[in-house]
PDB file of all heavy atoms in Angstrom:
ATOM      1  N   LEU A   1     -10.687 103.895 -72.807  1.00  0.00           N
ATOM      2  CA  LEU A   1     -10.706 102.523 -72.316  1.00  0.00           C
ATOM      3  C   LEU A   1     -12.022 101.839 -72.673  1.00  0.00           C
ATOM      4  O   LEU A   1     -12.042 100.657 -73.048  1.00  0.00           O
ATOM      5  CB  LEU A   1     -10.496 102.507 -70.802  1.00  0.00           C
ATOM      6  CG  LEU A   1     -10.685 101.158 -70.089  1.00  0.00           C
ATOM      7  CD1 LEU A   1      -9.725 100.112 -70.623  1.00  0.00           C
ATOM      8  CD2 LEU A   1     -10.504 101.336 -68.581  1.00  0.00           C
ATOM      9  N   ALA A   2     -13.107 102.586 -72.581  1.00  0.00           N
ATOM     10  CA  ALA A   2     -14.424 102.009 -72.868  1.00  0.00           C
ATOM     11  C   ALA A   2     -14.527 101.494 -74.298  1.00  0.00           C
ATOM     12  O   ALA A   2     -15.314 100.573 -74.568  1.00  0.00           O
ATOM     13  CB  ALA A   2     -15.510 103.045 -72.597  1.00  0.00           C
ATOM     14  N   LEU A   3     -13.740 102.051 -75.218  1.00  0.00           N
ATOM     15  CA  LEU A   3     -13.744 101.539 -76.590  1.00  0.00           C
ATOM     16  C   LEU A   3     -13.350 100.066 -76.608  1.00  0.00           C
ATOM     17  O   LEU A   3     -13.885  99.277 -77.386  1.00  0.00           O
ATOM     18  CB  LEU A   3     -12.765 102.348 -77.452  1.00  0.00           C
ATOM     19  CG  LEU A   3     -13.050 103.837 -77.643  1.00  0.00           C
ATOM     20  CD1 LEU A   3     -11.908 104.492 -78.422  1.00  0.00           C
ATOM     21  CD2 LEU A   3     -14.377 104.046 -78.370  1.00  0.00           C
ATOM     22  N   TYR A   4     -12.409  99.697 -75.773  1.00  0.00           N
ATOM     23  CA  TYR A   4     -11.909  98.320 -75.721  1.00  0.00           C
ATOM     24  C   TYR A   4     -12.911  97.385 -75.037  1.00  0.00           C
ATOM     25  O   TYR A   4     -12.888  96.176 -75.272  1.00  0.00           O
ATOM     26  CB  TYR A   4     -10.583  98.274 -74.969  1.00  0.00           C
ATOM     27  CG  TYR A   4      -9.424  98.912 -75.700  1.00  0.00           C
ATOM     28  CD1 TYR A   4      -9.308 100.290 -75.787  1.00  0.00           C
ATOM     29  CD2 TYR A   4      -8.425  98.145 -76.293  1.00  0.00           C
ATOM     30  CE1 TYR A   4      -8.236 100.896 -76.434  1.00  0.00           C
ATOM     31  CE2 TYR A   4      -7.351  98.725 -76.947  1.00  0.00           C
ATOM     32  CZ  TYR A   4      -7.271 100.106 -77.017  1.00  0.00           C
ATOM     33  OH  TYR A   4      -6.208 100.686 -77.673  1.00  0.00           O
ATOM     34  N   LEU A   5     -13.751  97.943 -74.170  1.00  0.00           N
ATOM     35  CA  LEU A   5     -14.722  97.118 -73.452  1.00  0.00           C
ATOM     36  C   LEU A   5     -15.999  96.883 -74.259  1.00  0.00           C
ATOM     37  O   LEU A   5     -16.867  96.121 -73.831  1.00  0.00           O
ATOM     38  CB  LEU A   5     -15.080  97.785 -72.114  1.00  0.00           C
ATOM     39  CG  LEU A   5     -13.899  98.088 -71.181  1.00  0.00           C
ATOM     40  CD1 LEU A   5     -14.412  98.637 -69.854  1.00  0.00           C
ATOM     41  CD2 LEU A   5     -13.016  96.869 -70.969  1.00  0.00           C
ATOM     42  N   ASP A   6     -16.110  97.530 -75.407  1.00  0.00           N
ATOM     43  CA  ASP A   6     -17.251  97.334 -76.302  1.00  0.00           C
ATOM     44  C   ASP A   6     -16.963  96.121 -77.176  1.00  0.00           C
ATOM     45  O   ASP A   6     -16.550  96.226 -78.328  1.00  0.00           O
ATOM     46  CB  ASP A   6     -17.465  98.586 -77.143  1.00  0.00           C
ATOM     47  CG  ASP A   6     -18.705  98.478 -78.029  1.00  0.00           C
ATOM     48  OD1 ASP A   6     -19.548  97.585 -77.788  1.00  0.00           O
ATOM     49  OD2 ASP A   6     -18.832  99.294 -78.965  1.00  0.00           O
ATOM     50  N   ALA A   7     -17.174  94.945 -76.611  1.00  0.00           N
ATOM     51  CA  ALA A   7     -16.770  93.687 -77.234  1.00  0.00           C
ATOM     52  C   ALA A   7     -17.988  92.925 -77.752  1.00  0.00           C
ATOM     53  O   ALA A   7     -19.133  93.265 -77.435  1.00  0.00           O
ATOM     54  CB  ALA A   7     -16.011  92.843 -76.213  1.00  0.00           C
ATOM     55  N   PRO A   8     -17.764  91.862 -78.545  1.00  0.00           N
ATOM     56  CA  PRO A   8     -18.889  91.096 -79.090  1.00  0.00           C
ATOM     57  C   PRO A   8     -19.811  90.527 -78.026  1.00  0.00           C
ATOM     58  O   PRO A   8     -21.017  90.394 -78.245  1.00  0.00           O
ATOM     59  CB  PRO A   8     -18.196  89.982 -79.879  1.00  0.00           C
ATOM     60  CG  PRO A   8     -16.858  90.532 -80.226  1.00  0.00           C
ATOM     61  CD  PRO A   8     -16.473  91.404 -79.085  1.00  0.00           C
ATOM     62  N   ALA A   9     -19.280  90.129 -76.886  1.00  0.00           N
ATOM     63  CA  ALA A   9     -20.093  89.626 -75.775  1.00  0.00           C
ATOM     64  C   ALA A   9     -19.859  90.508 -74.563  1.00  0.00           C
ATOM     65  O   ALA A   9     -18.706  90.822 -74.242  1.00  0.00           O
ATOM     66  CB  ALA A   9     -19.731  88.180 -75.454  1.00  0.00           C
ATOM     67  N   PRO A  10     -20.906  90.943 -73.896  1.00  0.00           N
ATOM     68  CA  PRO A  10     -20.735  91.783 -72.703  1.00  0.00           C
ATOM     69  C   PRO A  10     -19.858  91.089 -71.666  1.00  0.00           C
ATOM     70  O   PRO A  10     -20.039  89.915 -71.365  1.00  0.00           O
ATOM     71  CB  PRO A  10     -22.168  91.968 -72.194  1.00  0.00           C
ATOM     72  CG  PRO A  10     -23.030  91.778 -73.399  1.00  0.00           C
ATOM     73  CD  PRO A  10     -22.335  90.728 -74.221  1.00  0.00           C
ATOM     74  N   GLY A  11     -18.897  91.842 -71.134  1.00  0.00           N
ATOM     75  CA  GLY A  11     -17.975  91.295 -70.150  1.00  0.00           C
ATOM     76  C   GLY A  11     -16.653  90.852 -70.730  1.00  0.00           C
ATOM     77  O   GLY A  11     -15.713  90.589 -69.983  1.00  0.00           O
ATOM     78  N   LEU A  12     -16.552  90.753 -72.044  1.00  0.00           N
ATOM     79  CA  LEU A  12     -15.270  90.529 -72.705  1.00  0.00           C
ATOM     80  C   LEU A  12     -14.654  91.879 -73.068  1.00  0.00           C
ATOM     81  O   LEU A  12     -15.207  92.927 -72.767  1.00  0.00           O
ATOM     82  CB  LEU A  12     -15.452  89.667 -73.951  1.00  0.00           C
ATOM     83  CG  LEU A  12     -16.027  88.265 -73.755  1.00  0.00           C
ATOM     84  CD1 LEU A  12     -16.030  87.503 -75.078  1.00  0.00           C
ATOM     85  CD2 LEU A  12     -15.258  87.486 -72.692  1.00  0.00           C
ATOM     86  N   TRP A  13     -13.511  91.848 -73.739  1.00  0.00           N
ATOM     87  CA  TRP A  13     -12.847  93.082 -74.153  1.00  0.00           C
ATOM     88  C   TRP A  13     -11.992  92.812 -75.369  1.00  0.00           C
ATOM     89  O   TRP A  13     -11.687  91.676 -75.723  1.00  0.00           O
ATOM     90  CB  TRP A  13     -11.955  93.629 -73.029  1.00  0.00           C
ATOM     91  CG  TRP A  13     -11.242  92.577 -72.257  1.00  0.00           C
ATOM     92  CD1 TRP A  13     -10.116  91.881 -72.609  1.00  0.00           C
ATOM     93  CD2 TRP A  13     -11.645  92.052 -70.985  1.00  0.00           C
ATOM     94  NE1 TRP A  13      -9.793  90.971 -71.641  1.00  0.00           N
ATOM     95  CE2 TRP A  13     -10.702  91.061 -70.628  1.00  0.00           C
ATOM     96  CE3 TRP A  13     -12.688  92.336 -70.097  1.00  0.00           C
ATOM     97  CZ2 TRP A  13     -10.788  90.345 -69.432  1.00  0.00           C
ATOM     98  CZ3 TRP A  13     -12.771  91.626 -68.915  1.00  0.00           C
ATOM     99  CH2 TRP A  13     -11.832  90.653 -68.592  1.00  0.00           C
ATOM    100  N   ARG A  14     -11.659  93.905 -76.026  1.00  0.00           N
ATOM    101  CA  ARG A  14     -10.701  93.861 -77.128  1.00  0.00           C
ATOM    102  C   ARG A  14      -9.317  94.121 -76.543  1.00  0.00           C
ATOM    103  O   ARG A  14      -9.164  94.971 -75.677  1.00  0.00           O
ATOM    104  CB  ARG A  14     -11.019  94.947 -78.149  1.00  0.00           C
ATOM    105  CG  ARG A  14     -12.443  94.923 -78.691  1.00  0.00           C
ATOM    106  CD  ARG A  14     -12.632  93.794 -79.671  1.00  0.00           C
ATOM    107  NE  ARG A  14     -13.821  93.999 -80.490  1.00  0.00           N
ATOM    108  CZ  ARG A  14     -14.173  93.215 -81.505  1.00  0.00           C
ATOM    109  NH1 ARG A  14     -13.431  92.163 -81.799  1.00  0.00           N
ATOM    110  NH2 ARG A  14     -15.254  93.449 -82.204  1.00  0.00           N
ATOM    111  N   ASP A  15      -8.315  93.429 -77.043  1.00  0.00           N
ATOM    112  CA  ASP A  15      -6.989  93.598 -76.452  1.00  0.00           C
ATOM    113  C   ASP A  15      -6.066  94.466 -77.290  1.00  0.00           C
ATOM    114  O   ASP A  15      -5.228  95.175 -76.737  1.00  0.00           O
ATOM    115  CB  ASP A  15      -6.331  92.233 -76.242  1.00  0.00           C
ATOM    116  CG  ASP A  15      -5.005  92.353 -75.522  1.00  0.00           C
ATOM    117  OD1 ASP A  15      -4.989  92.916 -74.405  1.00  0.00           O
ATOM    118  OD2 ASP A  15      -3.972  91.909 -76.067  1.00  0.00           O
ATOM    119  N   ARG A  16      -6.195  94.442 -78.612  1.00  0.00           N
ATOM    120  CA  ARG A  16      -5.235  95.154 -79.459  1.00  0.00           C
ATOM    121  C   ARG A  16      -5.936  95.986 -80.514  1.00  0.00           C
ATOM    122  O   ARG A  16      -6.749  95.471 -81.286  1.00  0.00           O
ATOM    123  CB  ARG A  16      -4.300  94.152 -80.143  1.00  0.00           C
ATOM    124  CG  ARG A  16      -3.367  93.419 -79.178  1.00  0.00           C
ATOM    125  CD  ARG A  16      -2.382  92.541 -79.925  1.00  0.00           C
ATOM    126  NE  ARG A  16      -3.047  91.416 -80.571  1.00  0.00           N
ATOM    127  CZ  ARG A  16      -2.465  90.608 -81.453  1.00  0.00           C
ATOM    128  NH1 ARG A  16      -1.205  90.814 -81.812  1.00  0.00           N
ATOM    129  NH2 ARG A  16      -3.128  89.594 -81.974  1.00  0.00           N
ATOM    130  N   MET A  17      -5.615  97.290 -80.537  1.00  0.00           N
ATOM    131  CA  MET A  17      -6.105  98.192 -81.564  1.00  0.00           C
ATOM    132  C   MET A  17      -5.030  98.347 -82.641  1.00  0.00           C
ATOM    133  O   MET A  17      -3.865  98.596 -82.354  1.00  0.00           O
ATOM    134  CB  MET A  17      -6.439  99.568 -80.973  1.00  0.00           C
ATOM    135  CG  MET A  17      -6.962 100.562 -82.009  1.00  0.00           C
ATOM    136  SD  MET A  17      -7.196 102.242 -81.342  1.00  0.00           S
ATOM    137  CE  MET A  17      -8.702 102.016 -80.382  1.00  0.00           C
ATOM    138  N   ASN A  18      -5.442  98.200 -83.903  1.00  0.00           N
ATOM    139  CA  ASN A  18      -4.536  98.401 -85.025  1.00  0.00           C
ATOM    140  C   ASN A  18      -4.270  99.886 -85.241  1.00  0.00           C
ATOM    141  O   ASN A  18      -4.934 100.755 -84.674  1.00  0.00           O
ATOM    142  CB  ASN A  18      -5.136  97.792 -86.294  1.00  0.00           C
ATOM    143  CG  ASN A  18      -5.283  96.289 -86.203  1.00  0.00           C
ATOM    144  OD1 ASN A  18      -4.341  95.588 -85.850  1.00  0.00           O
ATOM    145  ND2 ASN A  18      -6.472  95.785 -86.525  1.00  0.00           N
ATOM    146  N   GLU A  19      -3.318 100.172 -86.116  1.00  0.00           N
ATOM    147  CA  GLU A  19      -2.968 101.563 -86.380  1.00  0.00           C
ATOM    148  C   GLU A  19      -4.119 102.344 -86.991  1.00  0.00           C
ATOM    149  O   GLU A  19      -4.198 103.570 -86.821  1.00  0.00           O
ATOM    150  CB  GLU A  19      -1.735 101.622 -87.291  1.00  0.00           C
ATOM    151  CG  GLU A  19      -0.481 101.065 -86.633  1.00  0.00           C
ATOM    152  CD  GLU A  19       0.787 101.341 -87.433  1.00  0.00           C
ATOM    153  OE1 GLU A  19       0.788 102.319 -88.207  1.00  0.00           O
ATOM    154  OE2 GLU A  19       1.765 100.604 -87.276  1.00  0.00           O
ATOM    155  N   ASP A  20      -5.040 101.660 -87.687  1.00  0.00           N
ATOM    156  CA  ASP A  20      -6.166 102.365 -88.302  1.00  0.00           C
ATOM    157  C   ASP A  20      -7.361 102.523 -87.371  1.00  0.00           C
ATOM    158  O   ASP A  20      -8.407 103.034 -87.769  1.00  0.00           O
ATOM    159  CB  ASP A  20      -6.598 101.659 -89.592  1.00  0.00           C
ATOM    160  CG  ASP A  20      -7.142 100.241 -89.343  1.00  0.00           C
ATOM    161  OD1 ASP A  20      -7.210  99.811 -88.167  1.00  0.00           O
ATOM    162  OD2 ASP A  20      -7.493  99.566 -90.331  1.00  0.00           O
ATOM    163  N   GLY A  21      -7.225 102.095 -86.125  1.00  0.00           N
ATOM    164  CA  GLY A  21      -8.300 102.222 -85.154  1.00  0.00           C
ATOM    165  C   GLY A  21      -9.204 101.021 -85.055  1.00  0.00           C
ATOM    166  O   GLY A  21     -10.066 100.970 -84.163  1.00  0.00           O
ATOM    167  N   SER A  22      -9.039 100.028 -85.932  1.00  0.00           N
ATOM    168  CA  SER A  22      -9.805  98.787 -85.828  1.00  0.00           C
ATOM    169  C   SER A  22      -9.175  97.889 -84.762  1.00  0.00           C
ATOM    170  O   SER A  22      -8.038  98.114 -84.333  1.00  0.00           O
ATOM    171  CB  SER A  22      -9.837  98.062 -87.175  1.00  0.00           C
ATOM    172  OG  SER A  22      -8.532  97.653 -87.558  1.00  0.00           O
ATOM    173  N   PHE A  23      -9.924  96.860 -84.378  1.00  0.00           N
ATOM    174  CA  PHE A  23      -9.420  95.945 -83.356  1.00  0.00           C
ATOM    175  C   PHE A  23      -9.111  94.584 -83.961  1.00  0.00           C
ATOM    176  O   PHE A  23      -9.781  94.127 -84.896  1.00  0.00           O
ATOM    177  CB  PHE A  23     -10.445  95.777 -82.236  1.00  0.00           C
ATOM    178  CG  PHE A  23     -10.547  96.968 -81.326  1.00  0.00           C
ATOM    179  CD1 PHE A  23     -11.577  97.880 -81.484  1.00  0.00           C
ATOM    180  CD2 PHE A  23      -9.613  97.176 -80.335  1.00  0.00           C
ATOM    181  CE1 PHE A  23     -11.678  98.988 -80.658  1.00  0.00           C
ATOM    182  CE2 PHE A  23      -9.696  98.270 -79.496  1.00  0.00           C
ATOM    183  CZ  PHE A  23     -10.733  99.185 -79.655  1.00  0.00           C
ATOM    184  N   VAL A  24      -8.100  93.929 -83.421  1.00  0.00           N
ATOM    185  CA  VAL A  24      -7.762  92.570 -83.820  1.00  0.00           C
ATOM    186  C   VAL A  24      -8.861  91.637 -83.317  1.00  0.00           C
ATOM    187  O   VAL A  24      -9.297  91.726 -82.172  1.00  0.00           O
ATOM    188  CB  VAL A  24      -6.402  92.151 -83.233  1.00  0.00           C
ATOM    189  CG1 VAL A  24      -6.081  90.700 -83.590  1.00  0.00           C
ATOM    190  CG2 VAL A  24      -5.301  93.083 -83.726  1.00  0.00           C
ATOM    191  N   ASP A  25      -9.323  90.758 -84.201  1.00  0.00           N
ATOM    192  CA  ASP A  25     -10.358  89.788 -83.839  1.00  0.00           C
ATOM    193  C   ASP A  25      -9.679  88.582 -83.198  1.00  0.00           C
ATOM    194  O   ASP A  25      -9.061  87.761 -83.875  1.00  0.00           O
ATOM    195  CB  ASP A  25     -11.132  89.374 -85.095  1.00  0.00           C
ATOM    196  CG  ASP A  25     -12.312  88.463 -84.772  1.00  0.00           C
ATOM    197  OD1 ASP A  25     -12.647  88.325 -83.578  1.00  0.00           O
ATOM    198  OD2 ASP A  25     -12.885  87.882 -85.718  1.00  0.00           O
ATOM    199  N   GLU A  26      -9.784  88.457 -81.882  1.00  0.00           N
ATOM    200  CA  GLU A  26      -9.071  87.422 -81.151  1.00  0.00           C
ATOM    201  C   GLU A  26      -9.762  87.190 -79.816  1.00  0.00           C
ATOM    202  O   GLU A  26     -10.578  88.015 -79.376  1.00  0.00           O
ATOM    203  CB  GLU A  26      -7.620  87.841 -80.922  1.00  0.00           C
ATOM    204  CG  GLU A  26      -7.494  89.128 -80.131  1.00  0.00           C
ATOM    205  CD  GLU A  26      -6.069  89.636 -80.032  1.00  0.00           C
ATOM    206  OE1 GLU A  26      -5.133  88.831 -80.225  1.00  0.00           O
ATOM    207  OE2 GLU A  26      -5.882  90.836 -79.763  1.00  0.00           O
ATOM    208  N   PRO A  27      -9.460  86.086 -79.150  1.00  0.00           N
ATOM    209  CA  PRO A  27     -10.052  85.844 -77.831  1.00  0.00           C
ATOM    210  C   PRO A  27      -9.651  86.930 -76.836  1.00  0.00           C
ATOM    211  O   PRO A  27      -8.598  87.567 -76.960  1.00  0.00           O
ATOM    212  CB  PRO A  27      -9.476  84.478 -77.430  1.00  0.00           C
ATOM    213  CG  PRO A  27      -9.080  83.839 -78.714  1.00  0.00           C
ATOM    214  CD  PRO A  27      -8.643  84.944 -79.607  1.00  0.00           C
ATOM    215  N   ALA A  28     -10.488  87.101 -75.823  1.00  0.00           N
ATOM    216  CA  ALA A  28     -10.210  88.074 -74.763  1.00  0.00           C
ATOM    217  C   ALA A  28      -9.287  87.441 -73.732  1.00  0.00           C
ATOM    218  O   ALA A  28      -9.631  86.396 -73.152  1.00  0.00           O
ATOM    219  CB  ALA A  28     -11.505  88.521 -74.105  1.00  0.00           C
ATOM    220  N   PRO A  29      -8.123  88.033 -73.464  1.00  0.00           N
ATOM    221  CA  PRO A  29      -7.202  87.444 -72.491  1.00  0.00           C
ATOM    222  C   PRO A  29      -7.608  87.770 -71.057  1.00  0.00           C
ATOM    223  O   PRO A  29      -7.865  88.922 -70.711  1.00  0.00           O
ATOM    224  CB  PRO A  29      -5.868  88.100 -72.843  1.00  0.00           C
ATOM    225  CG  PRO A  29      -6.245  89.422 -73.447  1.00  0.00           C
ATOM    226  CD  PRO A  29      -7.558  89.207 -74.144  1.00  0.00           C
ATOM    227  N   ALA A  30      -7.632  86.750 -70.223  1.00  0.00           N
ATOM    228  CA  ALA A  30      -7.965  86.962 -68.815  1.00  0.00           C
ATOM    229  C   ALA A  30      -6.947  87.867 -68.135  1.00  0.00           C
ATOM    230  O   ALA A  30      -7.265  88.546 -67.153  1.00  0.00           O
ATOM    231  CB  ALA A  30      -8.025  85.614 -68.089  1.00  0.00           C
ATOM    232  N   SER A  31      -5.726  87.899 -68.651  1.00  0.00           N
ATOM    233  CA  SER A  31      -4.678  88.715 -68.035  1.00  0.00           C
ATOM    234  C   SER A  31      -5.052  90.184 -67.961  1.00  0.00           C
ATOM    235  O   SER A  31      -4.576  90.911 -67.083  1.00  0.00           O
ATOM    236  CB  SER A  31      -3.363  88.550 -68.802  1.00  0.00           C
ATOM    237  OG  SER A  31      -3.524  88.930 -70.156  1.00  0.00           O
ATOM    238  N   SER A  32      -5.911  90.644 -68.869  1.00  0.00           N
ATOM    239  CA  SER A  32      -6.295  92.057 -68.890  1.00  0.00           C
ATOM    240  C   SER A  32      -7.271  92.421 -67.779  1.00  0.00           C
ATOM    241  O   SER A  32      -7.424  93.604 -67.473  1.00  0.00           O
ATOM    242  CB  SER A  32      -6.922  92.405 -70.241  1.00  0.00           C
ATOM    243  OG  SER A  32      -6.005  92.239 -71.287  1.00  0.00           O
ATOM    244  N   PHE A  33      -7.939  91.424 -67.194  1.00  0.00           N
ATOM    245  CA  PHE A  33      -8.960  91.727 -66.190  1.00  0.00           C
ATOM    246  C   PHE A  33      -8.346  92.457 -64.993  1.00  0.00           C
ATOM    247  O   PHE A  33      -8.939  93.383 -64.438  1.00  0.00           O
ATOM    248  CB  PHE A  33      -9.644  90.440 -65.750  1.00  0.00           C
ATOM    249  CG  PHE A  33     -10.990  90.648 -65.080  1.00  0.00           C
ATOM    250  CD1 PHE A  33     -11.624  91.882 -65.047  1.00  0.00           C
ATOM    251  CD2 PHE A  33     -11.636  89.572 -64.488  1.00  0.00           C
ATOM    252  CE1 PHE A  33     -12.867  92.052 -64.439  1.00  0.00           C
ATOM    253  CE2 PHE A  33     -12.879  89.723 -63.877  1.00  0.00           C
ATOM    254  CZ  PHE A  33     -13.481  90.972 -63.849  1.00  0.00           C
ATOM    255  N   TYR A  34      -7.163  92.030 -64.592  1.00  0.00           N
ATOM    256  CA  TYR A  34      -6.473  92.704 -63.485  1.00  0.00           C
ATOM    257  C   TYR A  34      -6.272  94.182 -63.788  1.00  0.00           C
ATOM    258  O   TYR A  34      -6.556  95.052 -62.959  1.00  0.00           O
ATOM    259  CB  TYR A  34      -5.143  91.993 -63.220  1.00  0.00           C
ATOM    260  CG  TYR A  34      -4.016  92.874 -62.762  1.00  0.00           C
ATOM    261  CD1 TYR A  34      -3.902  93.269 -61.425  1.00  0.00           C
ATOM    262  CD2 TYR A  34      -3.048  93.306 -63.669  1.00  0.00           C
ATOM    263  CE1 TYR A  34      -2.851  94.075 -61.013  1.00  0.00           C
ATOM    264  CE2 TYR A  34      -1.998  94.103 -63.261  1.00  0.00           C
ATOM    265  CZ  TYR A  34      -1.900  94.492 -61.934  1.00  0.00           C
ATOM    266  OH  TYR A  34      -0.863  95.291 -61.535  1.00  0.00           O
ATOM    267  N   HIS A  35      -5.768  94.497 -64.976  1.00  0.00           N
ATOM    268  CA  HIS A  35      -5.539  95.897 -65.347  1.00  0.00           C
ATOM    269  C   HIS A  35      -6.845  96.694 -65.307  1.00  0.00           C
ATOM    270  O   HIS A  35      -6.895  97.812 -64.766  1.00  0.00           O
ATOM    271  CB  HIS A  35      -4.951  95.971 -66.757  1.00  0.00           C
ATOM    272  CG  HIS A  35      -3.542  95.496 -66.857  1.00  0.00           C
ATOM    273  ND1 HIS A  35      -2.473  96.213 -66.370  1.00  0.00           N
ATOM    274  CD2 HIS A  35      -3.015  94.367 -67.401  1.00  0.00           C
ATOM    275  CE1 HIS A  35      -1.347  95.567 -66.616  1.00  0.00           C
ATOM    276  NE2 HIS A  35      -1.646  94.442 -67.240  1.00  0.00           N
ATOM    277  N   ILE A  36      -7.888  96.111 -65.894  1.00  0.00           N
ATOM    278  CA  ILE A  36      -9.177  96.804 -65.940  1.00  0.00           C
ATOM    279  C   ILE A  36      -9.729  97.005 -64.539  1.00  0.00           C
ATOM    280  O   ILE A  36     -10.185  98.099 -64.182  1.00  0.00           O
ATOM    281  CB  ILE A  36     -10.176  95.990 -66.786  1.00  0.00           C
ATOM    282  CG1 ILE A  36      -9.687  95.861 -68.238  1.00  0.00           C
ATOM    283  CG2 ILE A  36     -11.553  96.646 -66.762  1.00  0.00           C
ATOM    284  CD1 ILE A  36     -10.436  94.805 -69.032  1.00  0.00           C
TER     285      ILE A  36
END
């Protein structure tokens, strides 16, 4: 989980990991905060 929290700005997160292990470059969705 911590891999996803290593985002460009502290307190944001990555939402989608590609099949090769890279992350999609996109805004952080607030909807994920509840899950986290």
